[in-house]
Amino acid sequence: MGYGVQVRDSAADDLGAVLQAWQLALPYWSSFTGLTDAQHRGWWLPPLPAGLPLFVAGGRSDVIRRSGLRVCRHDARPAAERVGGVRVTTAAETVLSLARDLSLLDVVVIGDAALHAGDATIDELERTARQRRRGAPLLRRAIPLMDGRAESIYEGLLRILHISCGIAVVPQFEVVDEAGLFVARADLRLIGSTRLSEYDGSEHLDRARQRRDLRRVARIEDAGFDRRGYTKEDVLYATVGILRDADRALGRPFDPRRIDPWHALLRESLFTGQGQARLRSRLGLLAENAEQLPR
């Protein structure tokens, strides 16, 4: 993997094994951070460009010059912990490090993942964001938009899309019937309406799952609610339709200009080629190695 850094061929695709090998060649006080730690912890992430380095946090006087590593030197070494045998920065510190390089939308959805996994709390993120450090201003903007109740990255995107269009929502809304009995838990409820908006991933294409979904929709309708399901393609490429549906549910005039703040967020993020090119340029990676985003 590098000078003096080796793993068995069978473990070459195991990030944990690779990081354990690398840390033997690094100062014992250094730690992995940023996207490297986020991947190691298993947080959901936006699409990443190919050829990213491993991100390492070290001290100001550390001299670490190795191909394939990107080292951030700190005046005071950031707090660290061990996860799966690998020394990494704390979850809140990792989210702060991401705010140095990524866009607002990227940081929000990764923060959702950290909260959902229980690796960080809002209080920990807020304390970290109060520091006078690079990335802290963006993190302070991102924290009010985070919500650990999201159960997938595209569910989180659907929530932020609604909020950016001025639509208040309740995540993980529990539907009950007239007797107060539980019917279903919906991804989002649009406040001021009976509309439920949900993200439908590829697992919903399974025939057995489709049958269960149809029975669930019937129960939701019997309880007086109206469900709309959206795919990844809807969230990324057909957002005006989602806005139109919401405007109708809320009984307000459809105004396509309300989608502009969402498009601005999305454009800068890793969910677009433009956002990926921005990160590659920031990291000094060659453009010809860029990975094409699937549609």
Protein backbone atom coordinates (compact mmCIF):
# COMPACT_ATOMS: atom_id res chain seq x y z
CA MET A 1 0.00 0.00 0.00
CA GLY A 2 3.05 2.24 0.41
CA TYR A 3 6.64 2.11 1.62
CA GLY A 4 6.65 -0.30 4.57
CA VAL A 5 2.85 -0.63 4.48
CA GLN A 6 1.52 -4.05 3.53
CA VAL A 7 -1.71 -6.01 3.71
CA ARG A 8 -2.62 -9.43 2.41
CA ASP A 9 -4.15 -9.47 -1.07
CA SER A 10 -7.37 -10.84 0.40
CA ALA A 11 -7.65 -7.75 2.66
CA ALA A 12 -6.74 -5.12 0.07
CA ASP A 13 -10.38 -3.98 -0.20
CA ASP A 14 -10.92 -3.99 3.57
CA LEU A 15 -10.60 -0.35 4.65
CA GLY A 16 -10.16 -1.29 8.31
CA ALA A 17 -7.25 -3.61 7.47
CA VAL A 18 -5.67 -0.97 5.23
CA LEU A 19 -5.91 1.68 7.95
CA GLN A 20 -4.44 -0.65 10.57
CA ALA A 21 -1.50 -1.27 8.23
CA TRP A 22 -0.99 2.42 7.59
CA GLN A 23 -1.13 3.44 11.24
CA LEU A 24 1.91 1.24 11.94
CA ALA A 25 3.91 3.55 9.66
CA LEU A 26 2.53 6.80 11.13
CA PRO A 27 3.29 8.58 14.42
CA TYR A 28 1.33 6.88 17.17
CA TRP A 29 -0.42 10.15 18.07
CA SER A 30 -1.77 10.73 14.55
CA SER A 31 -5.31 9.67 13.65
CA PHE A 32 -7.48 9.20 10.59
CA THR A 33 -10.16 11.78 10.01
CA GLY A 34 -12.49 13.30 7.41
CA LEU A 35 -13.91 11.07 4.71
CA THR A 36 -11.54 8.26 5.69
CA ASP A 37 -12.97 8.07 9.21
CA ALA A 38 -16.53 8.53 7.93
CA GLN A 39 -16.10 5.55 5.59
CA HIS A 40 -14.46 3.48 8.33
CA ARG A 41 -17.37 4.15 10.70
CA GLY A 42 -19.85 3.06 8.01
CA TRP A 43 -21.70 6.37 7.78
CA TRP A 44 -23.72 6.91 4.64
CA LEU A 45 -21.91 9.24 2.26
CA PRO A 46 -22.56 11.17 -0.95
CA PRO A 47 -21.00 9.73 -4.13
CA LEU A 48 -17.23 10.14 -3.82
CA PRO A 49 -14.73 10.83 -6.61
CA ALA A 50 -12.24 8.09 -7.42
CA GLY A 51 -8.68 8.28 -6.16
CA LEU A 52 -9.26 10.08 -2.88
CA PRO A 53 -6.32 10.07 -0.45
CA LEU A 54 -6.48 8.87 3.14
CA PHE A 55 -7.10 11.81 5.47
CA VAL A 56 -4.85 12.05 8.54
CA ALA A 57 -4.78 14.49 11.46
CA GLY A 58 -1.40 15.21 13.02
CA GLY A 59 0.48 17.75 15.11
CA ARG A 60 1.86 21.04 13.81
CA SER A 61 5.46 19.78 13.95
CA ASP A 62 4.73 16.39 12.38
CA VAL A 63 6.52 15.75 9.10
CA ILE A 64 4.48 13.14 7.23
CA ARG A 65 5.11 13.07 3.49
CA ARG A 66 3.68 9.94 1.92
CA SER A 67 1.91 9.43 -1.35
CA GLY A 68 -1.76 8.67 -0.89
CA LEU A 69 -2.12 10.62 2.36
CA ARG A 70 -3.49 14.10 2.98
CA VAL A 71 -2.30 15.36 6.36
CA CYS A 72 -3.87 18.24 8.26
CA ARG A 73 -1.50 19.59 10.94
CA HIS A 74 -3.06 21.01 14.10
CA ASP A 75 -1.62 23.29 16.78
CA ALA A 76 -3.37 21.08 19.33
CA ARG A 77 -3.84 17.50 18.23
CA PRO A 78 -7.59 16.77 17.98
CA ALA A 79 -9.26 14.33 20.33
CA ALA A 80 -9.08 10.75 19.09
CA GLU A 81 -10.49 7.32 19.89
CA ARG A 82 -10.19 3.77 18.61
CA VAL A 83 -12.86 2.34 16.33
CA GLY A 84 -12.37 -1.22 15.09
CA GLY A 85 -8.70 -1.15 16.09
CA VAL A 86 -8.04 2.07 14.17
CA ARG A 87 -7.11 5.39 15.78
CA VAL A 88 -9.55 8.02 14.46
CA THR A 89 -10.64 11.49 15.50
CA THR A 90 -13.84 11.73 17.51
CA ALA A 91 -17.03 11.79 15.45
CA ALA A 92 -17.66 15.49 16.08
CA GLU A 93 -14.08 16.34 15.11
CA THR A 94 -14.46 14.28 11.94
CA VAL A 95 -17.60 16.20 10.94
CA LEU A 96 -15.71 19.47 11.53
CA SER A 97 -12.88 18.26 9.30
CA LEU A 98 -15.42 17.48 6.57
CA ALA A 99 -16.73 21.04 6.80
CA ARG A 100 -13.31 22.27 5.66
CA ASP A 101 -13.60 20.60 2.25
CA LEU A 102 -17.24 19.74 1.55
CA SER A 103 -20.38 21.73 0.81
CA LEU A 104 -23.18 22.60 3.22
CA LEU A 105 -25.48 19.85 1.90
CA ASP A 106 -22.74 17.21 2.13
CA VAL A 107 -21.97 18.13 5.73
CA VAL A 108 -25.65 18.07 6.70
CA VAL A 109 -26.34 14.58 5.35
CA ILE A 110 -23.10 13.17 6.80
CA GLY A 111 -23.96 14.82 10.11
CA ASP A 112 -27.36 13.09 9.89
CA ALA A 113 -25.49 9.79 9.55
CA ALA A 114 -23.25 10.50 12.56
CA LEU A 115 -26.29 11.38 14.69
CA HIS A 116 -28.30 8.39 13.46
CA ALA A 117 -25.43 6.01 14.26
CA GLY A 118 -25.15 7.45 17.77
CA ASP A 119 -21.51 8.37 17.17
CA ALA A 120 -22.12 12.06 17.89
CA THR A 121 -24.70 14.25 19.58
CA ILE A 122 -25.91 17.73 18.68
CA ASP A 123 -24.28 19.06 21.87
CA GLU A 124 -20.91 17.58 20.86
CA LEU A 125 -21.19 19.03 17.37
CA GLU A 126 -22.15 22.45 18.74
CA ARG A 127 -19.21 22.49 21.17
CA THR A 128 -16.85 21.55 18.36
CA ALA A 129 -18.32 24.19 16.05
CA ARG A 130 -17.76 26.96 18.63
CA GLN A 131 -13.99 26.72 18.11
CA ARG A 132 -12.16 29.30 16.01
CA ARG A 133 -11.09 26.82 13.35
CA ARG A 134 -11.36 26.32 9.65
CA GLY A 135 -14.68 24.65 8.82
CA ALA A 136 -16.38 25.79 12.03
CA PRO A 137 -18.51 28.54 10.39
CA LEU A 138 -19.93 26.06 7.85
CA LEU A 139 -20.54 23.50 10.58
CA ARG A 140 -22.49 26.11 12.57
CA ARG A 141 -24.71 26.65 9.53
CA ALA A 142 -25.15 22.90 9.01
CA ILE A 143 -26.08 21.85 12.55
CA PRO A 144 -29.61 23.41 12.57
CA LEU A 145 -30.38 21.46 9.38
CA MET A 146 -29.25 18.08 10.77
CA ASP A 147 -31.67 15.46 12.05
CA GLY A 148 -30.57 12.05 13.25
CA ARG A 149 -33.99 10.52 12.68
CA ALA A 150 -33.30 10.06 8.96
CA GLU A 151 -32.77 6.37 8.12
CA SER A 152 -30.97 6.80 4.79
CA ILE A 153 -29.09 9.47 2.93
CA TYR A 154 -31.82 10.03 0.33
CA GLU A 155 -34.47 10.26 3.02
CA GLY A 156 -32.33 13.01 4.50
CA LEU A 157 -32.06 14.73 1.13
CA LEU A 158 -35.84 14.60 0.70
CA ARG A 159 -36.25 16.28 4.09
CA ILE A 160 -33.75 19.05 3.30
CA LEU A 161 -35.36 19.58 -0.12
CA HIS A 162 -38.70 20.31 1.56
CA ILE A 163 -37.15 22.58 4.18
CA SER A 164 -35.19 24.57 1.59
CA CYS A 165 -38.47 25.19 -0.27
CA GLY A 166 -40.07 26.63 2.86
CA ILE A 167 -42.05 23.48 3.71
CA ALA A 168 -42.07 22.46 7.37
CA VAL A 169 -41.97 18.69 7.94
CA VAL A 170 -42.00 16.18 10.78
CA PRO A 171 -39.52 13.30 10.23
CA GLN A 172 -40.47 9.74 11.17
CA PHE A 173 -44.11 10.66 11.72
CA GLU A 174 -46.24 7.97 13.37
CA VAL A 175 -49.63 7.41 11.74
CA VAL A 176 -52.35 6.12 14.07
CA ASP A 177 -55.94 5.16 13.38
CA GLU A 178 -59.14 6.47 15.00
CA ALA A 179 -58.58 4.18 17.97
CA GLY A 180 -55.07 5.51 18.47
CA LEU A 181 -53.45 2.29 17.27
CA PHE A 182 -50.17 2.43 15.36
CA VAL A 183 -50.56 2.14 11.57
CA ALA A 184 -47.21 3.13 10.04
CA ARG A 185 -44.14 5.29 10.48
CA ALA A 186 -43.68 7.69 7.55
CA ASP A 187 -40.44 9.36 6.49
CA LEU A 188 -41.97 12.85 6.46
CA ARG A 189 -45.27 14.53 7.20
CA LEU A 190 -45.87 17.94 5.66
CA ILE A 191 -47.07 20.14 8.53
CA GLY A 192 -50.45 21.69 7.76
CA SER A 193 -51.57 18.81 5.56
CA THR A 194 -52.29 15.08 5.54
CA ARG A 195 -49.50 14.47 3.01
CA LEU A 196 -46.78 11.94 3.78
CA SER A 197 -43.64 12.10 1.62
CA GLU A 198 -41.32 9.11 1.57
CA TYR A 199 -38.17 7.93 -0.16
CA ASP A 200 -38.59 4.65 -2.04
CA GLY A 201 -35.26 2.90 -2.53
CA SER A 202 -34.51 0.02 -4.87
CA GLU A 203 -35.58 -2.50 -2.22
CA HIS A 204 -39.19 -1.44 -2.91
CA LEU A 205 -38.94 -3.09 -6.36
CA ASP A 206 -38.94 -6.56 -4.80
CA ARG A 207 -42.32 -8.19 -5.50
CA ALA A 208 -42.89 -9.34 -1.93
CA ARG A 209 -41.99 -5.84 -0.71
CA GLN A 210 -44.39 -4.32 -3.24
CA ARG A 211 -47.23 -6.39 -1.85
CA ARG A 212 -46.44 -5.25 1.68
CA ASP A 213 -46.17 -1.64 0.48
CA LEU A 214 -49.61 -1.78 -1.14
CA ARG A 215 -51.19 -3.08 2.05
CA ARG A 216 -49.37 -0.37 4.03
CA VAL A 217 -50.61 2.39 1.69
CA ALA A 218 -54.18 1.14 2.09
CA ARG A 219 -53.86 1.31 5.89
CA ILE A 220 -52.40 4.83 5.66
CA GLU A 221 -55.27 5.99 3.45
CA ASP A 222 -57.82 4.43 5.82
CA ALA A 223 -56.25 6.53 8.60
CA GLY A 224 -56.88 9.70 6.58
CA PHE A 225 -53.43 10.35 5.13
CA ASP A 226 -52.14 10.63 1.58
CA ARG A 227 -48.76 9.09 0.74
CA ARG A 228 -46.35 10.08 -2.05
CA GLY A 229 -43.23 8.04 -2.74
CA TYR A 230 -40.13 9.41 -4.49
CA THR A 231 -37.03 7.75 -5.92
CA LYS A 232 -33.40 8.85 -5.92
CA GLU A 233 -33.88 10.16 -9.45
CA ASP A 234 -36.84 12.27 -8.30
CA VAL A 235 -34.80 13.80 -5.47
CA LEU A 236 -31.83 14.61 -7.71
CA TYR A 237 -33.32 15.32 -11.14
CA ALA A 238 -37.10 15.87 -10.89
CA THR A 239 -37.33 18.14 -7.88
CA VAL A 240 -39.84 20.58 -9.35
CA GLY A 241 -42.40 17.74 -9.37
CA ILE A 242 -41.86 17.17 -5.64
CA LEU A 243 -42.37 20.89 -5.00
CA ARG A 244 -45.55 20.89 -7.12
CA ASP A 245 -46.94 17.95 -5.15
CA ALA A 246 -46.19 19.70 -1.86
CA ASP A 247 -47.75 22.99 -2.96
CA ARG A 248 -50.96 21.17 -3.92
CA ALA A 249 -51.06 19.33 -0.62
CA LEU A 250 -50.62 22.60 1.29
CA GLY A 251 -53.18 24.41 -0.84
CA ARG A 252 -50.76 27.13 -1.88
CA PRO A 253 -50.03 28.38 -5.43
CA PHE A 254 -47.27 26.51 -7.21
CA ASP A 255 -44.18 28.71 -7.58
CA PRO A 256 -41.24 26.95 -9.29
CA ARG A 257 -38.85 29.61 -8.01
CA ARG A 258 -39.13 28.05 -4.55
CA ILE A 259 -36.91 25.21 -5.79
CA ASP A 260 -33.96 27.56 -6.43
CA PRO A 261 -32.46 27.30 -2.90
CA TRP A 262 -32.46 23.50 -3.21
CA HIS A 263 -30.77 23.63 -6.60
CA ALA A 264 -28.12 25.94 -5.15
CA LEU A 265 -27.43 23.46 -2.33
CA LEU A 266 -27.39 20.48 -4.67
CA ARG A 267 -25.16 22.13 -7.28
CA GLU A 268 -22.27 22.55 -4.83
CA SER A 269 -22.57 19.05 -3.38
CA LEU A 270 -20.94 15.73 -4.23
CA PHE A 271 -24.23 14.57 -5.73
CA THR A 272 -23.31 16.53 -8.90
CA GLY A 273 -20.38 16.46 -11.26
CA GLN A 274 -19.74 20.11 -10.50
CA GLY A 275 -19.48 19.41 -6.79
CA GLN A 276 -17.16 16.47 -7.34
CA ALA A 277 -14.94 18.57 -9.61
CA ARG A 278 -14.82 21.22 -6.88
CA LEU A 279 -13.56 18.71 -4.33
CA ARG A 280 -11.01 17.22 -6.73
CA SER A 281 -9.68 20.69 -7.48
CA ARG A 282 -9.48 21.51 -3.78
CA LEU A 283 -7.51 18.31 -3.14
CA GLY A 284 -5.30 18.77 -6.21
CA LEU A 285 -6.46 15.55 -7.88
CA LEU A 286 -6.16 15.07 -11.64
CA ALA A 287 -9.41 15.76 -13.48
CA GLU A 288 -8.94 12.85 -15.90
CA ASN A 289 -9.35 10.40 -13.03
CA ALA A 290 -12.77 11.77 -12.10
CA GLU A 291 -15.52 9.20 -11.68
CA GLN A 292 -18.74 9.75 -13.63
CA LEU A 293 -21.89 9.96 -11.54
CA PRO A 294 -24.50 7.31 -12.34
CA ARG A 295 -27.95 8.54 -13.24
